[in-house]
Structures are given as structure tokens and as C-alpha cells.
């Protein structure tokens, strides 16, 4: 099966109801109305609370900007661009405070299953979990490699496979990525499994 390629820049900006930002929906599976998996990119321009999504596992990673301070009922987390992604239950409604201007973030929401977001290490293999759907969100252009398959992927693009074949994946950026810079994120959705 060939991977889907979805450019974030081809997706329309959808304003939030509270006026605090915009979202570009990259993927809703199996469909927009009854999704079990939703992947989106958001531009956040002001402070405000997260919406409640009971029964949903959420993943959040900062792509650009200084980051956010998230105040949960029992903890406070500063999430910045070089941090690991944050996975948390959708019923949690943290208050979000910008640390220094607007941010762009990557969001994954999973129903009836589990999700994960892992930083891409350039030219290092990653093996998607068994039976999981999996993908790659890129921050620079490069080549996705799995076995004999090679696919060019532009920056700000989602590559997605509903049924990976069990082979390791690798992303090789077209240009050298500076120390401390991020090439992208590996993503997965595993239906029926829940860690939260």
C-alpha cells in the first residue's frame, strides 16, 4: 500500500470558536464525522483553556514558538519546541498560557485506542508498533525510506499509512539538520489499546 501524502499548507485554516487560534485538519480517520483518529496543526495566538474531549487520548508537540505553560488540576507543565510530546487524557482541560508569543503545534487525538508521538532522529530507523497505523510529520524536506520504498516528502507534510508492512522506517533530510533542530515527528495510532 502506498502512503498518503497530505500537505498542511493545502488545508484551510479553520478559526477556533473562542478566537484564540486556527487549526488545519490534516487527517480524520475513518471520516470527518465519526473519527477515531484526528491529526491537526494549530496556530495559537492567545492564552485560554483547552476544550474537554472525554474518552480521547491527546498528543501535543510544539513546532514553532517559545512554547506554552499548561496548568492541569494537579500539575504545571512547560512544553517547548525541543521537549518530548505530551500525551494526556482528553477530559483534562489545562489552562494554556503562551510563554512568549504565538506558537504552532501538532495535535493528535485518538478514540478507542492509543497514540504516540516520537521525535524523528535523522537517518535512524524507527519501527512502528505492530498493528498500528503510523505516519511522519516533517519539518524539513527529505526522503522517507521503508525497505525498497523511497518517497520524497516536503516540509510541513503528513505521510500516513493505515497498514504499515512491519518494516522499519527512516527519514533522511535533504539538507543537514543543525544540532538541536528537529526534522519531524513519528506518529502512530493503535486501536483497542489505551495507556491512559
Protein backbone atom coordinates (compact mmCIF):
# COMPACT_ATOMS: atom_id res chain seq x y z
CA UNK A 1 0.00 0.00 0.00
CA UNK A 2 1.28 3.45 -0.91
CA UNK A 3 1.38 6.10 1.82
CA UNK A 4 -0.96 9.07 1.79
CA UNK A 5 0.78 12.45 1.46
CA UNK A 6 -1.04 15.42 2.97
CA UNK A 7 0.39 18.94 2.80
CA UNK A 8 -0.52 21.13 5.77
CA UNK A 9 -0.32 24.22 3.57
CA UNK A 10 -3.06 22.82 1.30
CA UNK A 11 -5.51 22.57 4.20
CA UNK A 12 -7.72 25.57 5.03
CA UNK A 13 -7.35 27.49 8.28
CA UNK A 14 -10.38 26.92 10.49
CA UNK A 15 -10.86 29.55 13.25
CA UNK A 16 -11.50 28.40 16.80
CA UNK A 17 -14.82 29.28 18.37
CA UNK A 18 -13.09 31.28 21.12
CA UNK A 19 -10.98 33.24 18.64
CA UNK A 20 -7.73 32.08 20.23
CA UNK A 21 -6.24 30.42 17.18
CA UNK A 22 -6.63 28.50 13.94
CA UNK A 23 -6.47 24.80 13.05
CA UNK A 24 -5.54 22.96 9.87
CA UNK A 25 -7.02 19.44 9.94
CA UNK A 26 -4.58 17.05 8.28
CA UNK A 27 -6.30 13.71 8.78
CA UNK A 28 -9.57 12.38 10.20
CA UNK A 29 -9.93 8.60 10.12
CA UNK A 30 -12.14 6.91 9.11
CA UNK A 31 -14.06 10.12 8.29
CA UNK A 32 -14.66 13.68 9.47
CA UNK A 33 -17.89 12.96 11.34
CA UNK A 34 -17.04 9.72 13.14
CA UNK A 35 -13.30 9.96 13.55
CA UNK A 36 -11.30 7.63 15.76
CA UNK A 37 -8.08 9.44 14.88
CA UNK A 38 -7.62 13.13 14.17
CA UNK A 39 -4.34 14.87 13.35
CA UNK A 40 -4.15 18.64 13.06
CA UNK A 41 -1.77 21.58 13.18
CA UNK A 42 -2.77 24.69 15.12
CA UNK A 43 -1.66 28.30 15.34
CA UNK A 44 -2.27 29.54 18.90
CA UNK A 45 -2.28 33.31 19.35
CA UNK A 46 -3.66 33.85 22.86
CA UNK A 47 -4.00 32.26 26.29
CA UNK A 48 -7.02 30.14 27.15
CA UNK A 49 -8.29 26.75 28.37
CA UNK A 50 -8.26 23.54 26.35
CA UNK A 51 -11.61 22.08 25.35
CA UNK A 52 -12.77 18.85 27.02
CA UNK A 53 -12.63 15.64 24.96
CA UNK A 54 -13.80 12.82 27.29
CA UNK A 55 -12.60 9.38 26.21
CA UNK A 56 -9.94 10.80 23.88
CA UNK A 57 -6.18 10.38 24.28
CA UNK A 58 -4.40 13.57 23.19
CA UNK A 59 -0.87 14.21 21.98
CA UNK A 60 0.67 17.68 21.71
CA UNK A 61 4.04 18.86 20.38
CA UNK A 62 5.32 22.41 19.82
CA UNK A 63 6.59 23.04 16.28
CA UNK A 64 7.41 26.77 16.39
CA UNK A 65 7.48 29.50 19.03
CA UNK A 66 8.61 29.73 22.64
CA UNK A 67 6.12 27.19 23.94
CA UNK A 68 3.23 27.02 26.39
CA UNK A 69 2.63 26.68 30.11
CA UNK A 70 -0.12 24.13 30.77
CA UNK A 71 -1.81 24.21 34.17
CA UNK A 72 -3.60 20.95 34.99
CA UNK A 73 -5.62 20.21 38.13
CA UNK A 74 -2.59 18.54 39.76
CA UNK A 75 0.46 19.78 37.85
CA UNK A 76 2.04 22.53 35.76
CA UNK A 77 3.99 21.66 32.60
CA UNK A 78 6.05 23.94 30.40
CA UNK A 79 6.04 22.47 26.88
CA UNK A 80 8.62 23.83 24.44
CA UNK A 81 9.86 23.04 20.95
CA UNK A 82 12.68 20.70 21.97
CA UNK A 83 10.62 18.78 24.55
CA UNK A 84 9.12 15.33 24.03
CA UNK A 85 5.46 15.36 23.04
CA UNK A 86 2.92 15.49 25.85
CA UNK A 87 0.31 12.70 25.96
CA UNK A 88 -2.68 13.36 28.24
CA UNK A 89 -6.36 12.40 28.69
CA UNK A 90 -8.85 14.50 26.76
CA UNK A 91 -11.04 15.08 29.81
CA UNK A 92 -8.20 17.12 31.30
CA UNK A 93 -8.75 20.77 30.45
CA UNK A 94 -5.44 22.51 31.15
CA UNK A 95 -5.26 26.27 31.08
CA UNK A 96 -2.82 27.27 28.35
CA UNK A 97 -0.55 30.30 28.70
CA UNK A 98 1.84 31.34 25.92
CA UNK A 99 5.44 31.65 27.10
CA UNK A 100 6.43 34.35 24.62
CA UNK A 101 4.14 34.98 21.67
CA UNK A 102 2.20 32.68 19.40
CA UNK A 103 3.05 29.04 18.78
CA UNK A 104 2.41 26.45 16.10
CA UNK A 105 1.70 22.97 17.42
CA UNK A 106 0.93 19.45 16.23
CA UNK A 107 -2.07 17.69 17.74
CA UNK A 108 -3.08 14.02 17.68
CA UNK A 109 -6.41 12.86 19.13
CA UNK A 110 -7.34 9.17 19.43
CA UNK A 111 -10.62 7.49 20.35
CA UNK A 112 -10.92 3.77 21.12
CA UNK A 113 -7.17 3.39 21.17
CA UNK A 114 -3.79 4.85 21.98
CA UNK A 115 -1.49 7.30 20.26
CA UNK A 116 2.17 8.21 20.37
CA UNK A 117 4.43 10.98 19.06
CA UNK A 118 8.20 10.47 18.90
CA UNK A 119 10.91 12.83 17.70
CA UNK A 120 12.50 11.84 14.39
CA UNK A 121 16.22 11.14 14.63
CA UNK A 122 17.63 11.87 11.18
CA UNK A 123 18.67 8.73 9.26
CA UNK A 124 17.90 6.49 12.27
CA UNK A 125 15.41 3.62 11.92
CA UNK A 126 12.05 3.69 13.69
CA UNK A 127 9.76 0.65 13.83
CA UNK A 128 6.03 1.43 14.03
CA UNK A 129 4.22 -0.60 16.71
CA UNK A 130 2.73 -3.87 15.48
CA UNK A 131 -0.84 -3.50 14.11
CA UNK A 132 -0.70 0.30 14.38
CA UNK A 133 -1.44 2.93 11.78
CA UNK A 134 1.59 5.16 11.53
CA UNK A 135 2.92 8.31 9.94
CA UNK A 136 5.53 11.01 9.70
CA UNK A 137 5.07 14.76 10.04
CA UNK A 138 8.02 16.63 8.56
CA UNK A 139 9.55 19.97 9.48
CA UNK A 140 12.01 19.85 6.58
CA UNK A 141 12.06 18.17 3.18
CA UNK A 142 13.64 14.78 2.79
CA UNK A 143 13.16 11.14 1.89
CA UNK A 144 11.07 8.57 3.73
CA UNK A 145 12.53 5.08 3.37
CA UNK A 146 10.99 1.71 4.25
CA UNK A 147 12.56 -1.39 2.71
CA UNK A 148 12.84 -0.65 -1.02
CA UNK A 149 10.24 2.13 -0.89
CA UNK A 150 11.51 5.70 -1.11
CA UNK A 151 9.19 8.70 -1.07
CA UNK A 152 10.15 12.37 -1.23
CA UNK A 153 8.33 14.35 1.46
CA UNK A 154 8.20 18.15 1.51
CA UNK A 155 8.33 20.20 4.71
CA UNK A 156 5.09 20.53 6.71
CA UNK A 157 3.68 17.35 5.23
CA UNK A 158 2.00 14.32 6.77
CA UNK A 159 2.86 10.91 5.35
CA UNK A 160 0.40 8.28 6.60
CA UNK A 161 -0.08 4.52 6.27
CA UNK A 162 -3.20 2.77 7.57
CA UNK A 163 -1.49 -0.63 7.34
CA UNK A 164 2.34 -0.50 7.56
CA UNK A 165 4.08 -3.69 6.45
CA UNK A 166 6.19 -4.23 9.58
CA UNK A 167 9.44 -2.86 8.18
CA UNK A 168 11.47 -0.12 9.88
CA UNK A 169 11.09 3.46 8.68
CA UNK A 170 13.75 6.09 8.21
CA UNK A 171 13.66 9.79 7.33
CA UNK A 172 16.69 11.34 5.66
CA UNK A 173 16.51 15.16 5.42
CA UNK A 174 17.55 16.69 2.09
CA UNK A 175 19.84 19.12 3.94
CA UNK A 176 21.78 18.56 7.14
CA UNK A 177 19.71 19.34 10.23
CA UNK A 178 21.51 21.58 12.73
CA UNK A 179 22.26 20.29 16.21
CA UNK A 180 19.18 20.88 18.35
CA UNK A 181 16.86 21.27 15.36
CA UNK A 182 14.04 18.82 14.73
CA UNK A 183 13.39 17.04 11.42
CA UNK A 184 9.89 15.84 12.28
CA UNK A 185 7.68 13.56 14.37
CA UNK A 186 6.83 9.87 14.09
CA UNK A 187 3.15 9.30 14.89
CA UNK A 188 1.04 6.21 15.49
CA UNK A 189 -2.48 5.11 16.37
CA UNK A 190 -3.13 1.69 17.90
CA UNK A 191 -6.82 0.84 18.04
CA UNK A 192 -8.09 -1.05 21.06
CA UNK A 193 -5.09 -0.24 23.27
CA UNK A 194 -5.21 2.54 25.87
CA UNK A 195 -2.38 3.72 28.09
CA UNK A 196 -4.40 6.44 29.87
